[in-house]
Amino acid sequence: MADRQRPMDPVLSDAARDALLAVAEAALLNAYAPYSGLRVGAAVLTGRGVSHAGCNVENRAYPLGGCAEHHAIAAAVLAEGPGLRLRAVAIVARDVDDHPVPIPPCGGCRQRLLEFGDDLAVIFLGRDGVIATHAIRDLLPASFELPPSSGLSSSASRR
């Protein structure tokens, strides 16, 4: 990921951003990361103004684990249903020594996030230690989209 930041209209006030980051920070305390030691917490903010948190859960068979963002989205869908729209996601990570780690969402989570909010703000600690905010479309410019003729729903049909 490039270190550039595209100016974007603020989706959240500084206070709302900080509150969402605090929810993500609290979530990482419950992360299950005995193999990598990398604890990650994520919090999504829905269109209803409600936040839902998730943490990473590792497994000996690495592909069976799950990202914090994935689990936060699942919690939000469980609470609000399949018509869920997301406004923002905040991600906080700490290494085995409890140092902050700059970690944007992985590619799979970027696709998941985009599906629930194509104008979503992604908030995480940047490489320079400053909080970074990016538009999801900047982080995933060539996303997978189903053609309208497929008959299957896409993020655009949920609006």
Protein backbone atom coordinates (compact mmCIF):
# COMPACT_ATOMS: atom_id res chain seq x y z
CA MET A 1 0.00 0.00 0.00
CA ALA A 2 1.32 3.43 -0.86
CA ASP A 3 1.83 5.91 1.94
CA ARG A 4 -0.03 8.65 0.07
CA GLN A 5 -3.29 9.83 1.50
CA ARG A 6 -6.03 11.14 -0.75
CA PRO A 7 -7.92 14.04 0.75
CA MET A 8 -11.48 12.97 1.34
CA ASP A 9 -14.57 14.48 2.87
CA PRO A 10 -14.52 13.60 6.53
CA VAL A 11 -17.07 10.90 7.19
CA LEU A 12 -16.57 11.20 10.93
CA SER A 13 -15.73 13.95 13.36
CA ASP A 14 -12.43 13.59 15.20
CA ALA A 15 -14.36 12.59 18.34
CA ALA A 16 -16.33 9.90 16.47
CA ARG A 17 -13.14 8.61 14.83
CA ASP A 18 -11.38 8.44 18.20
CA ALA A 19 -14.38 6.65 19.75
CA LEU A 20 -14.36 4.06 16.95
CA LEU A 21 -10.61 3.55 17.38
CA ALA A 22 -11.19 3.03 21.13
CA VAL A 23 -13.76 0.30 20.39
CA ALA A 24 -11.22 -1.39 18.08
CA GLU A 25 -8.50 -1.07 20.74
CA ALA A 26 -10.76 -2.70 23.34
CA ALA A 27 -11.60 -5.52 20.91
CA LEU A 28 -7.96 -6.47 20.37
CA LEU A 29 -7.69 -7.31 24.07
CA ASN A 30 -9.78 -10.43 23.32
CA ALA A 31 -7.85 -11.47 20.21
CA TYR A 32 -6.73 -15.09 20.02
CA ALA A 33 -3.26 -14.89 18.48
CA PRO A 34 -1.05 -17.59 20.05
CA TYR A 35 0.92 -18.21 16.84
CA SER A 36 1.79 -14.79 15.43
CA GLY A 37 1.36 -12.71 18.58
CA LEU A 38 -0.27 -10.05 16.38
CA ARG A 39 -3.49 -8.97 18.07
CA VAL A 40 -5.92 -7.02 15.90
CA GLY A 41 -9.15 -5.30 16.80
CA ALA A 42 -11.62 -3.74 14.39
CA ALA A 43 -14.76 -1.72 14.82
CA VAL A 44 -17.28 -0.92 12.11
CA LEU A 45 -19.69 2.00 12.24
CA THR A 46 -23.02 1.32 10.58
CA GLY A 47 -25.36 3.68 8.80
CA ARG A 48 -27.53 3.56 11.92
CA GLY A 49 -24.66 5.04 13.94
CA VAL A 50 -23.99 1.83 15.87
CA SER A 51 -20.51 0.31 16.23
CA HIS A 52 -19.75 -3.40 16.23
CA ALA A 53 -16.38 -4.89 17.12
CA GLY A 54 -14.37 -7.94 16.15
CA CYS A 55 -10.94 -9.37 16.87
CA ASN A 56 -8.66 -11.74 15.02
CA VAL A 57 -8.85 -15.44 15.83
CA GLU A 58 -5.93 -17.58 14.72
CA ASN A 59 -5.92 -21.31 14.23
CA ARG A 60 -3.15 -23.87 13.81
CA ALA A 61 -4.42 -24.33 10.28
CA TYR A 62 -3.82 -20.68 9.33
CA PRO A 63 -6.46 -20.38 6.57
CA LEU A 64 -9.14 -21.31 9.10
CA GLY A 65 -8.49 -18.25 11.26
CA GLY A 66 -10.33 -15.01 10.78
CA CYS A 67 -9.55 -11.32 10.56
CA ALA A 68 -10.87 -8.77 13.02
CA GLU A 69 -12.62 -6.86 10.23
CA HIS A 70 -14.39 -10.01 9.05
CA HIS A 71 -15.66 -10.70 12.56
CA ALA A 72 -16.79 -7.09 13.09
CA ILE A 73 -18.76 -7.24 9.84
CA ALA A 74 -20.33 -10.54 10.89
CA ALA A 75 -21.37 -9.03 14.24
CA ALA A 76 -22.92 -6.05 12.43
CA VAL A 77 -24.82 -8.26 9.97
CA LEU A 78 -26.08 -10.40 12.85
CA ALA A 79 -27.33 -7.29 14.67
CA GLU A 80 -28.71 -5.29 11.74
CA GLY A 81 -29.44 -7.81 9.00
CA PRO A 82 -28.33 -8.25 5.40
CA GLY A 83 -29.28 -4.69 4.35
CA LEU A 84 -26.46 -3.37 6.51
CA ARG A 85 -24.55 -0.31 5.29
CA LEU A 86 -21.17 0.62 6.78
CA ARG A 87 -19.82 4.17 7.11
CA ALA A 88 -16.39 3.48 8.58
CA VAL A 89 -14.02 0.86 9.96
CA ALA A 90 -11.20 1.40 12.44
CA ILE A 91 -8.37 -1.11 12.83
CA VAL A 92 -5.87 -1.26 15.69
CA ALA A 93 -3.06 -3.81 15.98
CA ARG A 94 -0.36 -4.59 18.53
CA ASP A 95 2.57 -6.98 18.31
CA VAL A 96 3.73 -9.52 20.87
CA ASP A 97 5.55 -6.74 22.77
CA ASP A 98 2.38 -4.61 22.82
CA HIS A 99 3.77 -2.08 20.32
CA PRO A 100 1.31 -0.53 17.86
CA VAL A 101 1.57 -1.98 14.36
CA PRO A 102 0.35 -0.17 11.25
CA ILE A 103 -1.98 -2.65 9.59
CA PRO A 104 -4.55 -1.86 6.92
CA PRO A 105 -7.19 -4.46 6.04
CA CYS A 106 -6.06 -7.44 3.96
CA GLY A 107 -7.35 -7.80 0.40
CA GLY A 108 -10.17 -10.15 1.36
CA CYS A 109 -11.39 -7.81 4.08
CA ARG A 110 -11.17 -4.85 1.71
CA GLN A 111 -13.58 -6.68 -0.61
CA ARG A 112 -15.88 -7.53 2.32
CA LEU A 113 -15.87 -3.93 3.55
CA LEU A 114 -16.57 -2.54 0.09
CA GLU A 115 -19.58 -4.78 -0.27
CA PHE A 116 -21.21 -3.09 2.74
CA GLY A 117 -20.07 0.47 2.06
CA ASP A 118 -18.58 1.64 -1.19
CA ASP A 119 -17.95 5.09 0.31
CA LEU A 120 -16.55 3.67 3.54
CA ALA A 121 -13.72 5.39 5.45
CA VAL A 122 -10.90 3.07 6.55
CA ILE A 123 -9.05 4.30 9.64
CA PHE A 124 -5.81 2.80 10.95
CA LEU A 125 -2.41 3.76 12.26
CA GLY A 126 -0.21 4.79 9.34
CA ARG A 127 3.43 3.81 8.89
CA ASP A 128 4.49 7.17 10.25
CA GLY A 129 2.55 6.63 13.49
CA VAL A 130 -0.18 9.10 12.51
CA ILE A 131 -3.78 7.98 12.15
CA ALA A 132 -4.50 7.44 8.44
CA THR A 133 -7.92 7.68 6.81
CA HIS A 134 -8.47 6.33 3.32
CA ALA A 135 -11.50 5.80 1.14
CA ILE A 136 -12.11 2.07 0.61
CA ARG A 137 -12.13 2.63 -3.18
CA ASP A 138 -8.56 4.00 -2.92
CA LEU A 139 -7.45 0.84 -1.11
CA LEU A 140 -9.30 -1.44 -3.53
CA PRO A 141 -9.59 0.38 -6.86
CA ALA A 142 -10.30 -2.70 -8.97
CA SER A 143 -12.77 -4.58 -6.83
CA PHE A 144 -14.76 -7.65 -7.84
CA GLU A 145 -18.31 -6.75 -8.86
CA LEU A 146 -21.02 -8.98 -10.23
CA PRO A 147 -22.46 -7.87 -13.56
CA PRO A 148 -26.05 -6.57 -13.30
CA SER A 149 -27.19 -9.32 -15.68
CA SER A 150 -26.07 -12.06 -13.24
CA GLY A 151 -29.32 -11.85 -11.31
CA LEU A 152 -27.35 -11.91 -8.05
CA SER A 153 -27.41 -8.98 -5.67
CA SER A 154 -24.48 -6.65 -5.34
CA SER A 155 -23.67 -3.81 -2.98
CA ALA A 156 -25.37 -1.37 -5.34
CA SER A 157 -28.70 -3.21 -5.10
CA ARG A 158 -28.83 -2.84 -1.33
CA ARG A 159 -29.12 0.91 -1.35
